[in-house]
Structure formats: structure tokens, C-alpha cells
PDB file of N, CA and C in Angstrom:
ATOM      1  N   MET A   1      -8.472  37.554 -84.271  1.00  0.00           N
ATOM      2  CA  MET A   1      -9.258  37.035 -83.174  1.00  0.00           C
ATOM      3  C   MET A   1      -8.284  36.537 -82.099  1.00  0.00           C
ATOM      4  N   ASN A   2      -8.500  36.973 -80.880  1.00  0.00           N
ATOM      5  CA  ASN A   2      -7.591  36.548 -79.813  1.00  0.00           C
ATOM      6  C   ASN A   2      -7.992  35.182 -79.271  1.00  0.00           C
ATOM      7  N   ARG A   3      -7.153  34.637 -78.419  1.00  0.00           N
ATOM      8  CA  ARG A   3      -7.369  33.288 -77.880  1.00  0.00           C
ATOM      9  C   ARG A   3      -8.672  33.181 -77.107  1.00  0.00           C
ATOM     10  N   SER A   4      -8.998  34.201 -76.353  1.00  0.00           N
ATOM     11  CA  SER A   4     -10.207  34.176 -75.537  1.00  0.00           C
ATOM     12  C   SER A   4     -11.460  34.120 -76.419  1.00  0.00           C
ATOM     13  N   ALA A   5     -11.475  34.929 -77.452  1.00  0.00           N
ATOM     14  CA  ALA A   5     -12.628  34.940 -78.355  1.00  0.00           C
ATOM     15  C   ALA A   5     -12.724  33.621 -79.108  1.00  0.00           C
ATOM     16  N   HIS A   6     -11.574  33.074 -79.489  1.00  0.00           N
ATOM     17  CA  HIS A   6     -11.549  31.788 -80.193  1.00  0.00           C
ATOM     18  C   HIS A   6     -12.095  30.674 -79.291  1.00  0.00           C
ATOM     19  N   GLY A   7     -11.693  30.686 -78.029  1.00  0.00           N
ATOM     20  CA  GLY A   7     -12.175  29.691 -77.072  1.00  0.00           C
ATOM     21  C   GLY A   7     -13.666  29.821 -76.833  1.00  0.00           C
ATOM     22  N   CYS A   8     -14.161  31.074 -76.748  1.00  0.00           N
ATOM     23  CA  CYS A   8     -15.608  31.289 -76.567  1.00  0.00           C
ATOM     24  C   CYS A   8     -16.389  30.796 -77.775  1.00  0.00           C
ATOM     25  N   ALA A   9     -15.838  30.984 -78.958  1.00  0.00           N
ATOM     26  CA  ALA A   9     -16.507  30.533 -80.182  1.00  0.00           C
ATOM     27  C   ALA A   9     -16.618  29.012 -80.197  1.00  0.00           C
ATOM     28  N   ILE A  10     -15.566  28.338 -79.763  1.00  0.00           N
ATOM     29  CA  ILE A  10     -15.594  26.868 -79.720  1.00  0.00           C
ATOM     30  C   ILE A  10     -16.617  26.382 -78.703  1.00  0.00           C
ATOM     31  N   VAL A  11     -16.632  26.997 -77.528  1.00  0.00           N
ATOM     32  CA  VAL A  11     -17.603  26.619 -76.505  1.00  0.00           C
ATOM     33  C   VAL A  11     -19.020  26.852 -77.007  1.00  0.00           C
ATOM     34  N   LEU A  12     -19.241  27.966 -77.686  1.00  0.00           N
ATOM     35  CA  LEU A  12     -20.565  28.271 -78.226  1.00  0.00           C
ATOM     36  C   LEU A  12     -20.986  27.234 -79.258  1.00  0.00           C
ATOM     37  N   LEU A  13     -20.088  26.829 -80.129  1.00  0.00           N
ATOM     38  CA  LEU A  13     -20.410  25.807 -81.133  1.00  0.00           C
ATOM     39  C   LEU A  13     -20.739  24.473 -80.488  1.00  0.00           C
ATOM     40  N   VAL A  14     -19.999  24.122 -79.440  1.00  0.00           N
ATOM     41  CA  VAL A  14     -20.277  22.862 -78.738  1.00  0.00           C
ATOM     42  C   VAL A  14     -21.655  22.917 -78.085  1.00  0.00           C
ATOM     43  N   LEU A  15     -21.984  24.033 -77.452  1.00  0.00           N
ATOM     44  CA  LEU A  15     -23.290  24.168 -76.808  1.00  0.00           C
ATOM     45  C   LEU A  15     -24.420  24.155 -77.825  1.00  0.00           C
ATOM     46  N   LEU A  16     -24.195  24.740 -78.995  1.00  0.00           N
ATOM     47  CA  LEU A  16     -25.224  24.736 -80.029  1.00  0.00           C
ATOM     48  C   LEU A  16     -25.418  23.353 -80.626  1.00  0.00           C
ATOM     49  N   ALA A  17     -24.393  22.532 -80.604  1.00  0.00           N
ATOM     50  CA  ALA A  17     -24.489  21.183 -81.164  1.00  0.00           C
ATOM     51  C   ALA A  17     -25.176  20.216 -80.219  1.00  0.00           C
ATOM     52  N   CYS A  18     -25.288  20.535 -78.930  1.00  0.00           N
ATOM     53  CA  CYS A  18     -25.895  19.614 -77.964  1.00  0.00           C
ATOM     54  C   CYS A  18     -27.337  19.260 -78.287  1.00  0.00           C
ATOM     55  N   PRO A  19     -28.224  20.217 -78.653  1.00  0.00           N
ATOM     56  CA  PRO A  19     -29.579  19.817 -79.007  1.00  0.00           C
ATOM     57  C   PRO A  19     -29.619  18.880 -80.207  1.00  0.00           C
ATOM     58  N   ALA A  20     -28.732  19.061 -81.161  1.00  0.00           N
ATOM     59  CA  ALA A  20     -28.699  18.174 -82.319  1.00  0.00           C
ATOM     60  C   ALA A  20     -28.265  16.770 -81.912  1.00  0.00           C
ATOM     61  N   ALA A  21     -27.403  16.663 -80.923  1.00  0.00           N
ATOM     62  CA  ALA A  21     -26.963  15.352 -80.458  1.00  0.00           C
ATOM     63  C   ALA A  21     -28.097  14.605 -79.775  1.00  0.00           C
ATOM     64  N   ALA A  22     -29.075  15.334 -79.251  1.00  0.00           N
ATOM     65  CA  ALA A  22     -30.209  14.697 -78.582  1.00  0.00           C
ATOM     66  C   ALA A  22     -31.131  14.009 -79.583  1.00  0.00           C
ATOM     67  N   LEU A  23     -30.969  14.305 -80.871  1.00  0.00           N
ATOM     68  CA  LEU A  23     -31.826  13.721 -81.892  1.00  0.00           C
ATOM     69  C   LEU A  23     -31.164  12.528 -82.566  1.00  0.00           C
ATOM     70  N   ASP A  24     -30.474  11.729 -81.776  1.00  0.00           N
ATOM     71  CA  ASP A  24     -29.814  10.548 -82.321  1.00  0.00           C
ATOM     72  C   ASP A  24     -30.833   9.623 -82.967  1.00  0.00           C
ATOM     73  N   GLN A  25     -30.375   8.907 -83.962  1.00  0.00           N
ATOM     74  CA  GLN A  25     -31.241   7.963 -84.662  1.00  0.00           C
ATOM     75  C   GLN A  25     -31.575   6.777 -83.756  1.00  0.00           C
ATOM     76  N   PRO A  26     -32.772   6.233 -83.882  1.00  0.00           N
ATOM     77  CA  PRO A  26     -33.101   5.036 -83.091  1.00  0.00           C
ATOM     78  C   PRO A  26     -32.281   3.848 -83.575  1.00  0.00           C
ATOM     79  N   VAL A  27     -32.100   2.894 -82.692  1.00  0.00           N
ATOM     80  CA  VAL A  27     -31.386   1.670 -83.043  1.00  0.00           C
ATOM     81  C   VAL A  27     -32.395   0.534 -83.119  1.00  0.00           C
ATOM     82  N   VAL A  28     -32.086  -0.444 -83.940  1.00  0.00           N
ATOM     83  CA  VAL A  28     -32.966  -1.604 -84.112  1.00  0.00           C
ATOM     84  C   VAL A  28     -32.573  -2.657 -83.083  1.00  0.00           C
ATOM     85  N   TRP A  29     -33.566  -3.172 -82.378  1.00  0.00           N
ATOM     86  CA  TRP A  29     -33.358  -4.242 -81.409  1.00  0.00           C
ATOM     87  C   TRP A  29     -34.310  -5.372 -81.769  1.00  0.00           C
ATOM     88  N   ARG A  30     -33.812  -6.588 -81.791  1.00  0.00           N
ATOM     89  CA  ARG A  30     -34.639  -7.743 -82.134  1.00  0.00           C
ATOM     90  C   ARG A  30     -34.852  -8.597 -80.890  1.00  0.00           C
ATOM     91  N   ASP A  31     -36.118  -8.858 -80.573  1.00  0.00           N
ATOM     92  CA  ASP A  31     -36.477  -9.676 -79.418  1.00  0.00           C
ATOM     93  C   ASP A  31     -36.054 -11.117 -79.676  1.00  0.00           C
ATOM     94  N   GLU A  32     -35.314 -11.687 -78.758  1.00  0.00           N
ATOM     95  CA  GLU A  32     -34.817 -13.058 -78.930  1.00  0.00           C
ATOM     96  C   GLU A  32     -35.945 -14.080 -78.917  1.00  0.00           C
ATOM     97  N   ASP A  33     -36.998 -13.837 -78.143  1.00  0.00           N
ATOM     98  CA  ASP A  33     -38.089 -14.806 -78.031  1.00  0.00           C
ATOM     99  C   ASP A  33     -38.972 -14.821 -79.273  1.00  0.00           C
ATOM    100  N   THR A  34     -39.364 -13.651 -79.757  1.00  0.00           N
ATOM    101  CA  THR A  34     -40.292 -13.580 -80.877  1.00  0.00           C
ATOM    102  C   THR A  34     -39.609 -13.361 -82.218  1.00  0.00           C
ATOM    103  N   GLY A  35     -38.412 -12.782 -82.195  1.00  0.00           N
ATOM    104  CA  GLY A  35     -37.717 -12.455 -83.434  1.00  0.00           C
ATOM    105  C   GLY A  35     -38.170 -11.146 -84.049  1.00  0.00           C
ATOM    106  N   CYS A  36     -39.127 -10.460 -83.405  1.00  0.00           N
ATOM    107  CA  CYS A  36     -39.642  -9.193 -83.926  1.00  0.00           C
ATOM    108  C   CYS A  36     -38.641  -8.080 -83.661  1.00  0.00           C
ATOM    109  N   ALA A  37     -38.616  -7.112 -84.584  1.00  0.00           N
ATOM    110  CA  ALA A  37     -37.701  -5.981 -84.460  1.00  0.00           C
ATOM    111  C   ALA A  37     -38.435  -4.778 -83.888  1.00  0.00           C
ATOM    112  N   TYR A  38     -37.722  -4.009 -83.070  1.00  0.00           N
ATOM    113  CA  TYR A  38     -38.256  -2.799 -82.462  1.00  0.00           C
ATOM    114  C   TYR A  38     -37.242  -1.673 -82.645  1.00  0.00           C
ATOM    115  N   LEU A  39     -37.739  -0.446 -82.662  1.00  0.00           N
ATOM    116  CA  LEU A  39     -36.883   0.726 -82.711  1.00  0.00           C
ATOM    117  C   LEU A  39     -36.767   1.291 -81.310  1.00  0.00           C
ATOM    118  N   LEU A  40     -35.543   1.452 -80.836  1.00  0.00           N
ATOM    119  CA  LEU A  40     -35.283   2.015 -79.508  1.00  0.00           C
ATOM    120  C   LEU A  40     -34.644   3.382 -79.685  1.00  0.00           C
ATOM    121  N   THR A  41     -35.207   4.395 -79.021  1.00  0.00           N
ATOM    122  CA  THR A  41     -34.631   5.736 -79.084  1.00  0.00           C
ATOM    123  C   THR A  41     -33.707   5.944 -77.896  1.00  0.00           C
ATOM    124  N   PRO A  42     -32.738   6.848 -78.037  1.00  0.00           N
ATOM    125  CA  PRO A  42     -31.846   7.129 -76.911  1.00  0.00           C
ATOM    126  C   PRO A  42     -32.587   7.680 -75.699  1.00  0.00           C
ATOM    127  N   GLN A  43     -33.775   8.257 -75.915  1.00  0.00           N
ATOM    128  CA  GLN A  43     -34.553   8.802 -74.808  1.00  0.00           C
ATOM    129  C   GLN A  43     -35.353   7.725 -74.088  1.00  0.00           C
ATOM    130  N   GLY A  44     -35.333   6.493 -74.574  1.00  0.00           N
ATOM    131  CA  GLY A  44     -36.018   5.396 -73.901  1.00  0.00           C
ATOM    132  C   GLY A  44     -37.313   4.965 -74.555  1.00  0.00           C
ATOM    133  N   GLY A  45     -37.667   5.541 -75.688  1.00  0.00           N
ATOM    134  CA  GLY A  45     -38.894   5.139 -76.381  1.00  0.00           C
ATOM    135  C   GLY A  45     -38.702   3.833 -77.137  1.00  0.00           C
ATOM    136  N   ILE A  46     -39.803   3.147 -77.370  1.00  0.00           N
ATOM    137  CA  ILE A  46     -39.769   1.895 -78.125  1.00  0.00           C
ATOM    138  C   ILE A  46     -40.994   1.850 -79.033  1.00  0.00           C
ATOM    139  N   ALA A  47     -40.795   1.343 -80.245  1.00  0.00           N
ATOM    140  CA  ALA A  47     -41.895   1.219 -81.205  1.00  0.00           C
ATOM    141  C   ALA A  47     -41.630   0.001 -82.074  1.00  0.00           C
ATOM    142  N   PRO A  48     -42.694  -0.699 -82.500  1.00  0.00           N
ATOM    143  CA  PRO A  48     -42.477  -1.831 -83.394  1.00  0.00           C
ATOM    144  C   PRO A  48     -41.925  -1.341 -84.732  1.00  0.00           C
ATOM    145  N   ARG A  49     -41.057  -2.109 -85.303  1.00  0.00           N
ATOM    146  CA  ARG A  49     -40.474  -1.756 -86.596  1.00  0.00           C
ATOM    147  C   ARG A  49     -41.322  -2.383 -87.695  1.00  0.00           C
ATOM    148  N   HIS A  50     -41.587  -1.621 -88.749  1.00  0.00           N
ATOM    149  CA  HIS A  50     -42.379  -2.101 -89.874  1.00  0.00           C
ATOM    150  C   HIS A  50     -41.518  -2.203 -91.117  1.00  0.00           C
ATOM    151  N   ARG A  51     -41.878  -3.127 -91.988  1.00  0.00           N
ATOM    152  CA  ARG A  51     -41.213  -3.250 -93.278  1.00  0.00           C
ATOM    153  C   ARG A  51     -41.762  -2.182 -94.221  1.00  0.00           C
ATOM    154  N   ARG A  52     -41.180  -2.081 -95.398  1.00  0.00           N
ATOM    155  CA  ARG A  52     -41.633  -1.084 -96.379  1.00  0.00           C
ATOM    156  C   ARG A  52     -43.085  -1.291 -96.791  1.00  0.00           C
ATOM    157  N   ASP A  53     -43.553  -2.534 -96.770  1.00  0.00           N
ATOM    158  CA  ASP A  53     -44.930  -2.798 -97.180  1.00  0.00           C
ATOM    159  C   ASP A  53     -45.933  -2.614 -96.047  1.00  0.00           C
ATOM    160  N   GLY A  54     -45.464  -2.195 -94.870  1.00  0.00           N
ATOM    161  CA  GLY A  54     -46.361  -1.912 -93.756  1.00  0.00           C
ATOM    162  C   GLY A  54     -46.546  -3.056 -92.791  1.00  0.00           C
ATOM    163  N   THR A  55     -45.996  -4.216 -93.097  1.00  0.00           N
ATOM    164  CA  THR A  55     -46.137  -5.348 -92.191  1.00  0.00           C
ATOM    165  C   THR A  55     -45.106  -5.235 -91.071  1.00  0.00           C
ATOM    166  N   LEU A  56     -45.405  -5.884 -89.951  1.00  0.00           N
ATOM    167  CA  LEU A  56     -44.467  -5.896 -88.827  1.00  0.00           C
ATOM    168  C   LEU A  56     -43.211  -6.656 -89.218  1.00  0.00           C
ATOM    169  N   ASP A  57     -42.076  -6.212 -88.728  1.00  0.00           N
ATOM    170  CA  ASP A  57     -40.804  -6.864 -89.006  1.00  0.00           C
ATOM    171  C   ASP A  57     -40.631  -8.022 -88.033  1.00  0.00           C
ATOM    172  N   CYS A  58     -41.381  -9.099 -88.283  1.00  0.00           N
ATOM    173  CA  CYS A  58     -41.343 -10.315 -87.467  1.00  0.00           C
ATOM    174  C   CYS A  58     -41.202 -11.505 -88.410  1.00  0.00           C
ATOM    175  N   PRO A  59     -40.511 -12.547 -87.975  1.00  0.00           N
ATOM    176  CA  PRO A  59     -40.322 -13.698 -88.857  1.00  0.00           C
ATOM    177  C   PRO A  59     -41.625 -14.424 -89.193  1.00  0.00           C
ATOM    178  N   ASP A  60     -42.608 -14.416 -88.297  1.00  0.00           N
ATOM    179  CA  ASP A  60     -43.841 -15.156 -88.571  1.00  0.00           C
ATOM    180  C   ASP A  60     -44.845 -14.344 -89.388  1.00  0.00           C
ATOM    181  N   VAL A  61     -44.528 -13.095 -89.714  1.00  0.00           N
ATOM    182  CA  VAL A  61     -45.399 -12.279 -90.553  1.00  0.00           C
ATOM    183  C   VAL A  61     -44.839 -12.327 -91.955  1.00  0.00           C
ATOM    184  N   ALA A  62     -45.576 -12.941 -92.843  1.00  0.00           N
ATOM    185  CA  ALA A  62     -45.115 -13.064 -94.221  1.00  0.00           C
ATOM    186  C   ALA A  62     -45.110 -11.705 -94.892  1.00  0.00           C
ATOM    187  N   ALA A  63     -44.069 -11.432 -95.629  1.00  0.00           N
ATOM    188  CA  ALA A  63     -43.983 -10.158 -96.350  1.00  0.00           C
ATOM    189  C   ALA A  63     -45.107 -10.096 -97.381  1.00  0.00           C
ATOM    190  N   GLY A  64     -45.692  -8.932 -97.522  1.00  0.00           N
ATOM    191  CA  GLY A  64     -46.746  -8.749 -98.512  1.00  0.00           C
ATOM    192  C   GLY A  64     -48.121  -9.179 -98.043  1.00  0.00           C
ATOM    193  N   THR A  65     -48.289  -9.452 -96.763  1.00  0.00           N
ATOM    194  CA  THR A  65     -49.607  -9.858 -96.296  1.00  0.00           C
ATOM    195  C   THR A  65     -50.574  -8.694 -96.295  1.00  0.00           C
ATOM    196  N   GLY A  66     -50.067  -7.481 -96.307  1.00  0.00           N
ATOM    197  CA  GLY A  66     -50.928  -6.304 -96.400  1.00  0.00           C
ATOM    198  C   GLY A  66     -51.769  -6.068 -95.165  1.00  0.00           C
ATOM    199  N   ILE A  67     -51.193  -6.262 -94.015  1.00  0.00           N
ATOM    200  CA  ILE A  67     -51.939  -6.065 -92.772  1.00  0.00           C
ATOM    201  C   ILE A  67     -52.464  -4.651 -92.682  1.00  0.00           C
ATOM    202  N   VAL A  68     -51.617  -3.696 -92.999  1.00  0.00           N
ATOM    203  CA  VAL A  68     -52.018  -2.296 -92.891  1.00  0.00           C
ATOM    204  C   VAL A  68     -53.123  -1.978 -93.894  1.00  0.00           C
ATOM    205  N   GLU A  69     -52.978  -2.480 -95.116  1.00  0.00           N
ATOM    206  CA  GLU A  69     -53.995  -2.219 -96.137  1.00  0.00           C
ATOM    207  C   GLU A  69     -55.338  -2.815 -95.750  1.00  0.00           C
ATOM    208  N   SER A  70     -55.339  -4.062 -95.264  1.00  0.00           N
ATOM    209  CA  SER A  70     -56.609  -4.686 -94.901  1.00  0.00           C
ATOM    210  C   SER A  70     -57.216  -4.003 -93.682  1.00  0.00           C
ATOM    211  N   MET A  71     -56.372  -3.563 -92.760  1.00  0.00           N
ATOM    212  CA  MET A  71     -56.874  -2.845 -91.596  1.00  0.00           C
ATOM    213  C   MET A  71     -57.493  -1.517 -92.044  1.00  0.00           C
ATOM    214  N   GLY A  72     -56.846  -0.845 -92.987  1.00  0.00           N
ATOM    215  CA  GLY A  72     -57.384   0.405 -93.512  1.00  0.00           C
ATOM    216  C   GLY A  72     -58.723   0.204 -94.195  1.00  0.00           C
ATOM    217  N   ARG A  73     -58.839  -0.868 -94.958  1.00  0.00           N
ATOM    218  CA  ARG A  73     -60.126  -1.170 -95.610  1.00  0.00           C
ATOM    219  C   ARG A  73     -61.207  -1.459 -94.582  1.00  0.00           C
ATOM    220  N   ASP A  74     -60.870  -2.221 -93.537  1.00  0.00           N
ATOM    221  CA  ASP A  74     -61.841  -2.527 -92.491  1.00  0.00           C
ATOM    222  C   ASP A  74     -62.299  -1.264 -91.774  1.00  0.00           C
ATOM    223  N   ILE A  75     -61.357  -0.371 -91.480  1.00  0.00           N
ATOM    224  CA  ILE A  75     -61.716   0.885 -90.816  1.00  0.00           C
ATOM    225  C   ILE A  75     -62.597   1.733 -91.727  1.00  0.00           C
ATOM    226  N   ALA A  76     -62.267   1.783 -93.014  1.00  0.00           N
ATOM    227  CA  ALA A  76     -63.072   2.564 -93.963  1.00  0.00           C
ATOM    228  C   ALA A  76     -64.488   2.009 -94.059  1.00  0.00           C
ATOM    229  N   ARG A  77     -64.616   0.685 -94.090  1.00  0.00           N
ATOM    230  CA  ARG A  77     -65.960   0.079 -94.132  1.00  0.00           C
ATOM    231  C   ARG A  77     -66.738   0.410 -92.865  1.00  0.00           C
ATOM    232  N   GLY A  78     -66.068   0.351 -91.721  1.00  0.00           N
ATOM    233  CA  GLY A  78     -66.727   0.683 -90.462  1.00  0.00           C
ATOM    234  C   GLY A  78     -67.162   2.138 -90.420  1.00  0.00           C
ATOM    235  N   LEU A  79     -66.318   3.035 -90.911  1.00  0.00           N
ATOM    236  CA  LEU A  79     -66.687   4.455 -90.944  1.00  0.00           C
ATOM    237  C   LEU A  79     -67.852   4.707 -91.898  1.00  0.00           C
ATOM    238  N   ASP A  80     -67.856   4.017 -93.037  1.00  0.00           N
ATOM    239  CA  ASP A  80     -68.978   4.151 -93.974  1.00  0.00           C
ATOM    240  C   ASP A  80     -70.284   3.690 -93.327  1.00  0.00           C
ATOM    241  N   ALA A  81     -70.236   2.564 -92.634  1.00  0.00           N
ATOM    242  CA  ALA A  81     -71.438   2.060 -91.971  1.00  0.00           C
ATOM    243  C   ALA A  81     -71.893   3.030 -90.880  1.00  0.00           C
ATOM    244  N   LEU A  82     -70.970   3.585 -90.140  1.00  0.00           N
ATOM    245  CA  LEU A  82     -71.312   4.553 -89.103  1.00  0.00           C
ATOM    246  C   LEU A  82     -71.926   5.808 -89.712  1.00  0.00           C
ATOM    247  N   GLN A  83     -71.360   6.272 -90.821  1.00  0.00           N
ATOM    248  CA  GLN A  83     -71.900   7.458 -91.484  1.00  0.00           C
ATOM    249  C   GLN A  83     -73.322   7.199 -91.995  1.00  0.00           C
ATOM    250  N   ARG A  84     -73.561   6.020 -92.575  1.00  0.00           N
ATOM    251  CA  ARG A  84     -74.914   5.683 -93.033  1.00  0.00           C
ATOM    252  C   ARG A  84     -75.900   5.666 -91.875  1.00  0.00           C
ATOM    253  N   GLU A  85     -75.473   5.120 -90.737  1.00  0.00           N
ATOM    254  CA  GLU A  85     -76.349   5.055 -89.569  1.00  0.00           C
ATOM    255  C   GLU A  85     -76.653   6.456 -89.039  1.00  0.00           C
ATOM    256  N   VAL A  86     -75.650   7.330 -89.014  1.00  0.00           N
ATOM    257  CA  VAL A  86     -75.865   8.706 -88.555  1.00  0.00           C
ATOM    258  C   VAL A  86     -76.832   9.420 -89.492  1.00  0.00           C
ATOM    259  N   GLU A  87     -76.675   9.243 -90.796  1.00  0.00           N
ATOM    260  CA  GLU A  87     -77.594   9.861 -91.765  1.00  0.00           C
ATOM    261  C   GLU A  87     -79.018   9.329 -91.575  1.00  0.00           C
ATOM    262  N   ARG A  88     -79.153   8.028 -91.343  1.00  0.00           N
ATOM    263  CA  ARG A  88     -80.475   7.437 -91.123  1.00  0.00           C
ATOM    264  C   ARG A  88     -81.119   8.039 -89.884  1.00  0.00           C
ATOM    265  N   LEU A  89     -80.349   8.161 -88.803  1.00  0.00           N
ATOM    266  CA  LEU A  89     -80.888   8.743 -87.575  1.00  0.00           C
ATOM    267  C   LEU A  89     -81.217  10.218 -87.753  1.00  0.00           C
ATOM    268  N   ARG A  90     -80.412  10.942 -88.522  1.00  0.00           N
ATOM    269  CA  ARG A  90     -80.685  12.355 -88.777  1.00  0.00           C
ATOM    270  C   ARG A  90     -81.993  12.525 -89.547  1.00  0.00           C
ATOM    271  N   GLU A  91     -82.196  11.699 -90.562  1.00  0.00           N
ATOM    272  CA  GLU A  91     -83.443  11.758 -91.337  1.00  0.00           C
ATOM    273  C   GLU A  91     -84.629  11.411 -90.454  1.00  0.00           C
ATOM    274  N   ARG A  92     -84.468  10.398 -89.635  1.00  0.00           N
ATOM    275  CA  ARG A  92     -85.547   9.987 -88.739  1.00  0.00           C
ATOM    276  C   ARG A  92     -85.892  11.100 -87.750  1.00  0.00           C
ATOM    277  N   TYR A  93     -84.874  11.783 -87.227  1.00  0.00           N
ATOM    278  CA  TYR A  93     -85.078  12.875 -86.270  1.00  0.00           C
ATOM    279  C   TYR A  93     -85.727  14.068 -86.959  1.00  0.00           C
ATOM    280  N   ASN A  94     -85.281  14.404 -88.159  1.00  0.00           N
ATOM    281  CA  ASN A  94     -85.814  15.560 -88.877  1.00  0.00           C
ATOM    282  C   ASN A  94     -87.235  15.335 -89.396  1.00  0.00           C
ATOM    283  N   ASN A  95     -87.641  14.099 -89.608  1.00  0.00           N
ATOM    284  CA  ASN A  95     -88.962  13.799 -90.139  1.00  0.00           C
ATOM    285  C   ASN A  95     -90.003  13.538 -89.049  1.00  0.00           C
ATOM    286  N   ARG A  96     -89.643  13.811 -87.796  1.00  0.00           N
ATOM    287  CA  ARG A  96     -90.610  13.607 -86.720  1.00  0.00           C
ATOM    288  C   ARG A  96     -91.680  14.685 -86.801  1.00  0.00           C
ATOM    289  N   PRO A  97     -92.966  14.319 -86.494  1.00  0.00           N
ATOM    290  CA  PRO A  97     -94.048  15.332 -86.510  1.00  0.00           C
ATOM    291  C   PRO A  97     -93.979  16.266 -85.336  1.00  0.00           C
TER     292      PRO A  97
END
């Protein structure tokens, strides 16, 4: 392989690696006022950081409070109630004379 081909191969590898460099891992940033942690992406995105148990990574949120689980249960109960109401209305509509 001559020098020119070797140089082109290196340039090609560098160019192919650029998209992978754009996928840098987010960094953790902690708000000084609240103490809550956030994930910052190199592209400028921000999202709240959660612990393994689903709770927000904030000092005033006790670990194991199950915020996500209780929210999921509340949503499921609401969907069940909505489904029952839709079924009731469907029966009422279908039974009209």
C-alpha cells in the first residue's frame, strides 16, 4: 500500500468515526438549589435523572417511595374506570329502541 492510499484510509476511518463521536454519553449535572440530578447531552438535551427504583435523584425524595409504581397504579385505575364507562355507554347506545 502506498503512502497516498494509506493516508486516504486514515482519513476515511476518521470520517467514519465522526458519527460515533456524536453519540457521547450524557453527563450528570446536579442543581445547586434543589440538589436534584439531571442528565445533560452534548447536543443540549436535559432530562431528570432517576434512581434504579424509579424515583427522582433528589435529596428530598426518599429512596423506595415508589413514585413510578404508584403513578402506574393510578393510571391503570383511571384507564379501568374509563374502559368501564365506555362499555356502559356502548351498551346504552346499542340498547336504544
